[in-house]
C-alpha cells in the first residue's frame, strides 16, 4: 500500500509468503498475481495478538482497540472460534464474545490454555483486498492465484461508483484460482 501503482501495472506476490494487511487497489486495470513456486501467497486480514489476561474459569480477554470488533474472526492454534451472544454463554471451548460495553472493547475467549502461549489471530481489517479506495470505482481488475483469509467482512471486495446494481457490477473484473478462507 505504500508503493505507487498506476493503471496497467502488475503486482505479484511471492508464493509461500504472507502479508497481514488490507491491500487497497489504487487504480483500474491492475493485475494481482503470484510468482515463484509453492503455496499461494496469503493476504491475511488478522493479526497475531498477545498479552491475554485471565478472567478465571478458562476465560481470557484482550483489550481490543485495533480489531474489527463488530465483525471479528478469532483463530487460535488454527481453530476457528465461534461467536456467542453474551459473556454468560461463553462456557465452552472454541467460542468467543466481544464486549462493546467496555472502553476499549474487550474480546473474551474460552480456552484451557493462555492464548498468548499459542498463535492467536484476530481480524484487524475488514477486507483483504478492496477496490473501495476513493470516490471512483476501480475497473478491469484481475486477481489470480492468491489466498485471502480471516478478514472481518470479506476476502475480496469490489465497490462500484453508484448504488444501482448496474453501477455496482460494472468493470469486467476477474477473480481466478483464488482461495477465500474463513472470512466473515
Protein backbone atom coordinates (compact mmCIF):
# COMPACT_ATOMS: atom_id res chain seq x y z
CA UNK A 1 0.00 0.00 0.00
CA UNK A 2 2.96 2.31 0.46
CA UNK A 3 4.04 1.89 -3.17
CA UNK A 4 2.70 3.91 -6.08
CA UNK A 5 0.94 1.89 -8.77
CA UNK A 6 -0.91 3.07 -11.87
CA UNK A 7 -3.35 1.61 -14.38
CA UNK A 8 -1.79 -1.26 -16.31
CA UNK A 9 0.60 -2.30 -13.52
CA UNK A 10 1.03 -5.92 -12.44
CA UNK A 11 1.61 -6.61 -8.74
CA UNK A 12 2.98 -10.07 -7.94
CA UNK A 13 3.34 -11.67 -4.52
CA UNK A 14 5.92 -14.35 -3.75
CA UNK A 15 4.36 -17.80 -3.38
CA UNK A 16 4.66 -19.07 0.19
CA UNK A 17 4.64 -15.52 1.57
CA UNK A 18 2.07 -13.92 3.85
CA UNK A 19 1.03 -10.27 4.23
CA UNK A 20 -1.05 -9.07 7.17
CA UNK A 21 -2.69 -6.01 5.72
CA UNK A 22 -5.60 -4.81 3.62
CA UNK A 23 -4.49 -4.33 0.04
CA UNK A 24 -6.25 -1.30 -1.40
CA UNK A 25 -6.28 -1.45 -5.20
CA UNK A 26 -5.14 2.03 -6.27
CA UNK A 27 -6.28 2.21 -9.89
CA UNK A 28 -8.22 0.48 -12.66
CA UNK A 29 -6.59 -2.08 -14.94
CA UNK A 30 -4.40 -3.61 -12.22
CA UNK A 31 -3.43 -7.29 -12.08
CA UNK A 32 -2.63 -9.01 -8.77
CA UNK A 33 -0.96 -12.39 -9.02
CA UNK A 34 1.73 -14.75 -7.78
CA UNK A 35 5.29 -15.63 -8.77
CA UNK A 36 7.68 -18.38 -7.78
CA UNK A 37 6.82 -21.88 -6.61
CA UNK A 38 4.89 -23.22 -3.67
CA UNK A 39 1.66 -22.31 -1.92
CA UNK A 40 -0.44 -19.34 -2.98
CA UNK A 41 0.61 -16.07 -1.36
CA UNK A 42 -1.70 -15.17 1.54
CA UNK A 43 -3.25 -11.79 2.27
CA UNK A 44 -4.26 -12.18 5.92
CA UNK A 45 -6.86 -9.88 7.49
CA UNK A 46 -5.88 -10.90 11.04
CA UNK A 47 -3.04 -10.01 13.37
CA UNK A 48 -1.38 -12.19 15.99
CA UNK A 49 -2.46 -10.99 19.43
CA UNK A 50 -0.52 -11.48 22.68
CA UNK A 51 -0.98 -10.11 26.19
CA UNK A 52 -4.15 -12.02 27.06
CA UNK A 53 -5.40 -11.59 30.64
CA UNK A 54 -7.04 -14.36 32.68
CA UNK A 55 -10.62 -13.69 33.72
CA UNK A 56 -10.80 -17.02 35.59
CA UNK A 57 -12.61 -20.29 34.73
CA UNK A 58 -10.85 -20.74 31.35
CA UNK A 59 -11.86 -17.25 30.24
CA UNK A 60 -9.26 -14.93 28.75
CA UNK A 61 -9.63 -11.42 27.41
CA UNK A 62 -7.71 -8.85 25.49
CA UNK A 63 -8.48 -5.17 25.22
CA UNK A 64 -9.12 -4.97 21.55
CA UNK A 65 -8.98 -1.42 20.21
CA UNK A 66 -7.47 -2.34 16.83
CA UNK A 67 -9.56 -5.31 15.73
CA UNK A 68 -12.73 -5.21 13.69
CA UNK A 69 -14.66 -5.63 16.90
CA UNK A 70 -18.14 -5.91 15.47
CA UNK A 71 -17.09 -8.46 12.85
CA UNK A 72 -14.12 -10.42 14.10
CA UNK A 73 -12.68 -13.74 13.11
CA UNK A 74 -10.91 -15.40 16.04
CA UNK A 75 -8.48 -18.18 15.24
CA UNK A 76 -6.42 -19.85 17.96
CA UNK A 77 -3.98 -22.65 17.13
CA UNK A 78 -5.56 -22.84 13.65
CA UNK A 79 -9.04 -23.44 15.15
CA UNK A 80 -11.74 -21.02 14.06
CA UNK A 81 -13.73 -19.87 17.07
CA UNK A 82 -17.49 -19.29 17.06
CA UNK A 83 -19.07 -16.11 18.42
CA UNK A 84 -21.59 -16.32 21.25
CA UNK A 85 -24.17 -13.68 22.15
CA UNK A 86 -23.15 -12.90 25.74
CA UNK A 87 -20.37 -13.36 28.24
CA UNK A 88 -22.72 -15.56 30.29
CA UNK A 89 -22.98 -18.03 27.37
CA UNK A 90 -19.20 -18.24 26.89
CA UNK A 91 -18.96 -21.62 28.63
CA UNK A 92 -17.25 -23.99 26.19
CA UNK A 93 -14.13 -24.33 24.10
CA UNK A 94 -13.60 -22.62 20.76
CA UNK A 95 -16.02 -19.77 21.45
CA UNK A 96 -15.59 -16.01 21.82
CA UNK A 97 -17.56 -12.93 22.83
CA UNK A 98 -16.95 -9.26 22.06
CA UNK A 99 -17.95 -6.88 24.85
CA UNK A 100 -18.54 -3.47 23.28
CA UNK A 101 -19.92 -2.03 26.53
CA UNK A 102 -16.36 -1.53 27.83
CA UNK A 103 -13.87 1.10 26.72
CA UNK A 104 -11.88 -0.08 24.91
CA UNK A 105 -13.83 -3.03 23.54
CA UNK A 106 -12.83 -6.31 25.11
CA UNK A 107 -12.67 -9.67 23.34
CA UNK A 108 -13.12 -12.78 25.52
CA UNK A 109 -12.30 -16.37 24.57
CA UNK A 110 -12.88 -19.67 26.30
CA UNK A 111 -9.57 -21.54 26.33
CA UNK A 112 -7.91 -24.08 28.61
CA UNK A 113 -4.50 -22.53 27.78
CA UNK A 114 -3.27 -18.96 27.77
CA UNK A 115 -3.86 -17.76 24.17
CA UNK A 116 -0.55 -15.85 24.40
CA UNK A 117 1.27 -19.21 24.57
CA UNK A 118 -0.04 -20.27 21.14
CA UNK A 119 -0.84 -18.45 17.88
CA UNK A 120 -3.96 -16.34 18.47
CA UNK A 121 -5.16 -14.34 15.45
CA UNK A 122 -7.95 -11.75 15.40
CA UNK A 123 -9.32 -9.85 12.40
CA UNK A 124 -7.86 -6.40 12.18
CA UNK A 125 -9.06 -5.47 8.70
CA UNK A 126 -12.49 -5.52 7.10
CA UNK A 127 -11.18 -6.78 3.76
CA UNK A 128 -8.03 -8.48 2.47
CA UNK A 129 -8.29 -6.89 -0.99
CA UNK A 130 -10.53 -3.89 -1.63
CA UNK A 131 -11.36 -1.57 -4.52
CA UNK A 132 -13.19 0.86 -2.22
CA UNK A 133 -10.46 3.48 -2.01
CA UNK A 134 -11.54 6.94 -3.10
CA UNK A 135 -14.71 8.04 -4.81
CA UNK A 136 -14.33 6.28 -8.17
CA UNK A 137 -14.74 2.59 -8.81
CA UNK A 138 -11.81 0.51 -9.95
CA UNK A 139 -12.48 -1.39 -13.18
CA UNK A 140 -10.83 -4.21 -15.09
CA UNK A 141 -9.09 -5.70 -12.05
CA UNK A 142 -7.61 -9.19 -12.32
CA UNK A 143 -6.85 -11.16 -9.17
CA UNK A 144 -5.38 -14.64 -9.58
CA UNK A 145 -3.61 -17.33 -7.57
CA UNK A 146 -3.91 -15.58 -4.19
CA UNK A 147 -5.41 -16.76 -0.89
CA UNK A 148 -7.37 -14.31 1.25
CA UNK A 149 -8.20 -15.24 4.83
CA UNK A 150 -9.52 -14.03 8.18
CA UNK A 151 -10.97 -10.66 7.12
CA UNK A 152 -13.67 -9.12 9.30
CA UNK A 153 -16.07 -8.73 6.36
CA UNK A 154 -14.91 -10.17 3.02
CA UNK A 155 -11.75 -11.54 1.50
CA UNK A 156 -12.17 -9.62 -1.76
CA UNK A 157 -14.44 -6.58 -2.00
CA UNK A 158 -15.42 -4.76 -5.19
CA UNK A 159 -17.31 -1.49 -4.96
CA UNK A 160 -18.86 0.38 -7.86
CA UNK A 161 -19.43 4.13 -8.13
CA UNK A 162 -23.18 4.13 -7.55
CA UNK A 163 -25.96 2.41 -5.66
CA UNK A 164 -27.75 0.66 -8.52
CA UNK A 165 -26.85 -2.91 -9.46
CA UNK A 166 -25.68 -1.84 -12.93
CA UNK A 167 -23.29 0.70 -11.37
CA UNK A 168 -22.04 -1.66 -8.68
CA UNK A 169 -21.24 -4.52 -11.07
CA UNK A 170 -19.59 -2.65 -13.91
CA UNK A 171 -15.98 -3.05 -14.94
CA UNK A 172 -15.48 -6.66 -16.02
CA UNK A 173 -13.12 -7.65 -13.21
CA UNK A 174 -11.86 -11.23 -12.95
CA UNK A 175 -11.00 -13.47 -10.00
CA UNK A 176 -9.31 -16.78 -10.93
CA UNK A 177 -7.82 -19.65 -8.98
CA UNK A 178 -8.08 -17.76 -5.70
CA UNK A 179 -8.90 -19.24 -2.32
CA UNK A 180 -11.08 -17.34 0.12
CA UNK A 181 -10.81 -18.99 3.52
CA UNK A 182 -12.62 -18.13 6.77
CA UNK A 183 -13.58 -14.54 6.00
CA UNK A 184 -16.56 -13.25 7.95
